[in-house]
Amino acid sequence: CDFSYMRHLAGLFRALLGEKILLFTTDGPEGLKCGSLQGLYTTVDFGPADNMTKIFTLLRKYEPHGPLVNSEYYTGWLDYWGQNHSTRSVSAVTKGLENMLK
């Protein structure tokens, strides 16, 4: 929840890239309260196994007017050394994406 740092970064991006760019934040549902910043567009990330209705409802509190955006749709997850490769089935990923677009 270091909003001073995030405002500093946003200021740097604007100074280097100009005012016409769209800056946004992206966090998992648990991180929205600390990851969103007034004046920047707020997005969320999740995967096909998550409850997108619940997550988009939560996102609406932080992004009341714009479109609901999942800016990082997980088709798998992190792999950890010595553990099985993390995957999602093609059908789960496509069904989740279809439901999100609806």
C-alpha atoms as a PDB file:
ATOM      1  CA  CYS A   1       0.000   0.000   0.000  1.00  0.00           C
ATOM      2  CA  ASP A   2       2.776   2.414  -0.880  1.00  0.00           C
ATOM      3  CA  PHE A   3       0.714   4.986  -2.754  1.00  0.00           C
ATOM      4  CA  SER A   4       3.486   7.589  -2.655  1.00  0.00           C
ATOM      5  CA  TYR A   5       5.764   5.196  -4.536  1.00  0.00           C
ATOM      6  CA  MET A   6       3.041   4.329  -7.050  1.00  0.00           C
ATOM      7  CA  ARG A   7       2.268   8.039  -7.649  1.00  0.00           C
ATOM      8  CA  HIS A   8       6.001   8.601  -8.137  1.00  0.00           C
ATOM      9  CA  LEU A   9       6.148   5.828 -10.760  1.00  0.00           C
ATOM     10  CA  ALA A  10       3.062   7.157 -12.527  1.00  0.00           C
ATOM     11  CA  GLY A  11       4.666  10.599 -12.625  1.00  0.00           C
ATOM     12  CA  LEU A  12       7.846   9.149 -14.119  1.00  0.00           C
ATOM     13  CA  PHE A  13       5.906   7.277 -16.792  1.00  0.00           C
ATOM     14  CA  ARG A  14       3.936  10.389 -17.691  1.00  0.00           C
ATOM     15  CA  ALA A  15       7.119  12.513 -17.809  1.00  0.00           C
ATOM     16  CA  LEU A  16       8.881   9.994 -20.061  1.00  0.00           C
ATOM     17  CA  LEU A  17       5.968   8.836 -22.214  1.00  0.00           C
ATOM     18  CA  GLY A  18       3.620  11.811 -22.264  1.00  0.00           C
ATOM     19  CA  GLU A  19       0.087  12.489 -21.165  1.00  0.00           C
ATOM     20  CA  LYS A  20      -1.664  10.635 -23.990  1.00  0.00           C
ATOM     21  CA  ILE A  21      -0.813   7.136 -22.773  1.00  0.00           C
ATOM     22  CA  LEU A  22      -3.192   4.977 -20.747  1.00  0.00           C
ATOM     23  CA  LEU A  23      -1.686   3.900 -17.459  1.00  0.00           C
ATOM     24  CA  PHE A  24      -3.339   1.107 -15.542  1.00  0.00           C
ATOM     25  CA  THR A  25      -2.774  -1.105 -12.552  1.00  0.00           C
ATOM     26  CA  THR A  26      -3.406  -4.828 -12.384  1.00  0.00           C
ATOM     27  CA  ASP A  27      -3.775  -6.944  -9.271  1.00  0.00           C
ATOM     28  CA  GLY A  28      -5.403 -10.083  -8.068  1.00  0.00           C
ATOM     29  CA  PRO A  29      -8.668  -9.570  -6.195  1.00  0.00           C
ATOM     30  CA  GLU A  30      -6.860  -9.473  -2.835  1.00  0.00           C
ATOM     31  CA  GLY A  31      -4.497  -6.746  -4.026  1.00  0.00           C
ATOM     32  CA  LEU A  32      -6.991  -4.233  -5.370  1.00  0.00           C
ATOM     33  CA  LYS A  33      -7.175  -2.123  -2.213  1.00  0.00           C
ATOM     34  CA  CYS A  34      -3.412  -1.566  -2.305  1.00  0.00           C
ATOM     35  CA  GLY A  35      -2.811  -1.825  -6.037  1.00  0.00           C
ATOM     36  CA  SER A  36      -5.216   0.691  -7.478  1.00  0.00           C
ATOM     37  CA  LEU A  37      -4.356   4.362  -7.717  1.00  0.00           C
ATOM     38  CA  GLN A  38      -6.731   7.251  -8.228  1.00  0.00           C
ATOM     39  CA  GLY A  39      -6.344   8.631 -11.734  1.00  0.00           C
ATOM     40  CA  LEU A  40      -5.140   5.338 -13.216  1.00  0.00           C
ATOM     41  CA  TYR A  41      -7.346   2.716 -14.785  1.00  0.00           C
ATOM     42  CA  THR A  42      -7.769  -0.339 -12.529  1.00  0.00           C
ATOM     43  CA  THR A  43      -7.790  -3.877 -13.905  1.00  0.00           C
ATOM     44  CA  VAL A  44      -7.700  -7.305 -12.302  1.00  0.00           C
ATOM     45  CA  ASP A  45      -6.147 -10.663 -13.072  1.00  0.00           C
ATOM     46  CA  PHE A  46      -7.485 -14.182 -12.568  1.00  0.00           C
ATOM     47  CA  GLY A  47      -7.850 -17.515 -14.328  1.00  0.00           C
ATOM     48  CA  PRO A  48     -10.565 -19.890 -15.468  1.00  0.00           C
ATOM     49  CA  ALA A  49     -10.821 -21.583 -12.060  1.00  0.00           C
ATOM     50  CA  ASP A  50     -11.756 -18.318 -10.302  1.00  0.00           C
ATOM     51  CA  ASN A  51     -15.222 -16.853  -9.725  1.00  0.00           C
ATOM     52  CA  MET A  52     -15.146 -14.059 -12.308  1.00  0.00           C
ATOM     53  CA  THR A  53     -18.551 -12.647 -11.309  1.00  0.00           C
ATOM     54  CA  LYS A  54     -17.363 -12.143  -7.740  1.00  0.00           C
ATOM     55  CA  ILE A  55     -14.028 -10.706  -8.876  1.00  0.00           C
ATOM     56  CA  PHE A  56     -15.578  -8.299 -11.404  1.00  0.00           C
ATOM     57  CA  THR A  57     -18.085  -7.181  -8.734  1.00  0.00           C
ATOM     58  CA  LEU A  58     -15.151  -6.360  -6.465  1.00  0.00           C
ATOM     59  CA  LEU A  59     -13.314  -4.608  -9.313  1.00  0.00           C
ATOM     60  CA  ARG A  60     -16.374  -2.392  -9.894  1.00  0.00           C
ATOM     61  CA  LYS A  61     -15.735  -0.804  -6.477  1.00  0.00           C
ATOM     62  CA  TYR A  62     -12.317   0.370  -7.693  1.00  0.00           C
ATOM     63  CA  GLU A  63     -13.245   1.029 -11.335  1.00  0.00           C
ATOM     64  CA  PRO A  64     -16.837   2.347 -11.158  1.00  0.00           C
ATOM     65  CA  HIS A  65     -17.185   3.672 -14.719  1.00  0.00           C
ATOM     66  CA  GLY A  66     -14.869   1.929 -17.146  1.00  0.00           C
ATOM     67  CA  PRO A  67     -15.128  -1.514 -18.675  1.00  0.00           C
ATOM     68  CA  LEU A  68     -14.294  -4.498 -16.513  1.00  0.00           C
ATOM     69  CA  VAL A  69     -10.925  -5.791 -17.719  1.00  0.00           C
ATOM     70  CA  ASN A  70      -8.965  -8.917 -16.859  1.00  0.00           C
ATOM     71  CA  SER A  71      -5.542  -7.779 -18.011  1.00  0.00           C
ATOM     72  CA  GLU A  72      -3.781 -11.044 -17.203  1.00  0.00           C
ATOM     73  CA  TYR A  73      -5.898 -14.148 -17.830  1.00  0.00           C
ATOM     74  CA  TYR A  74      -4.096 -17.137 -16.349  1.00  0.00           C
ATOM     75  CA  THR A  75      -3.915 -20.115 -18.677  1.00  0.00           C
ATOM     76  CA  GLY A  76      -1.724 -21.883 -16.133  1.00  0.00           C
ATOM     77  CA  TRP A  77       0.242 -20.945 -13.089  1.00  0.00           C
ATOM     78  CA  LEU A  78       3.794 -20.739 -11.826  1.00  0.00           C
ATOM     79  CA  ASP A  79       5.854 -23.900 -11.874  1.00  0.00           C
ATOM     80  CA  TYR A  80       7.909 -24.680  -8.792  1.00  0.00           C
ATOM     81  CA  TRP A  81      11.102 -26.699  -8.921  1.00  0.00           C
ATOM     82  CA  GLY A  82      10.459 -30.368  -8.273  1.00  0.00           C
ATOM     83  CA  GLN A  83       6.683 -30.092  -8.581  1.00  0.00           C
ATOM     84  CA  ASN A  84       4.391 -31.047 -11.426  1.00  0.00           C
ATOM     85  CA  HIS A  85       3.977 -28.681 -14.361  1.00  0.00           C
ATOM     86  CA  SER A  86       0.981 -26.424 -13.738  1.00  0.00           C
ATOM     87  CA  THR A  87      -1.584 -26.496 -16.522  1.00  0.00           C
ATOM     88  CA  ARG A  88      -5.240 -25.869 -17.233  1.00  0.00           C
ATOM     89  CA  SER A  89      -7.206 -27.799 -19.805  1.00  0.00           C
ATOM     90  CA  VAL A  90      -7.920 -26.141 -23.132  1.00  0.00           C
ATOM     91  CA  SER A  91     -11.652 -26.548 -22.521  1.00  0.00           C
ATOM     92  CA  ALA A  92     -11.459 -24.854 -19.090  1.00  0.00           C
ATOM     93  CA  VAL A  93      -9.474 -21.925 -20.489  1.00  0.00           C
ATOM     94  CA  THR A  94     -11.745 -21.427 -23.517  1.00  0.00           C
ATOM     95  CA  LYS A  95     -14.956 -21.860 -21.488  1.00  0.00           C
ATOM     96  CA  GLY A  96     -13.720 -19.328 -18.934  1.00  0.00           C
ATOM     97  CA  LEU A  97     -12.804 -16.868 -21.676  1.00  0.00           C
ATOM     98  CA  GLU A  98     -16.180 -17.333 -23.397  1.00  0.00           C
ATOM     99  CA  ASN A  99     -17.972 -16.693 -20.095  1.00  0.00           C
ATOM    100  CA  MET A 100     -15.877 -13.597 -19.423  1.00  0.00           C
ATOM    101  CA  LEU A 101     -16.597 -12.141 -22.864  1.00  0.00           C
ATOM    102  CA  LYS A 102     -20.327 -12.730 -22.395  1.00  0.00           C
END
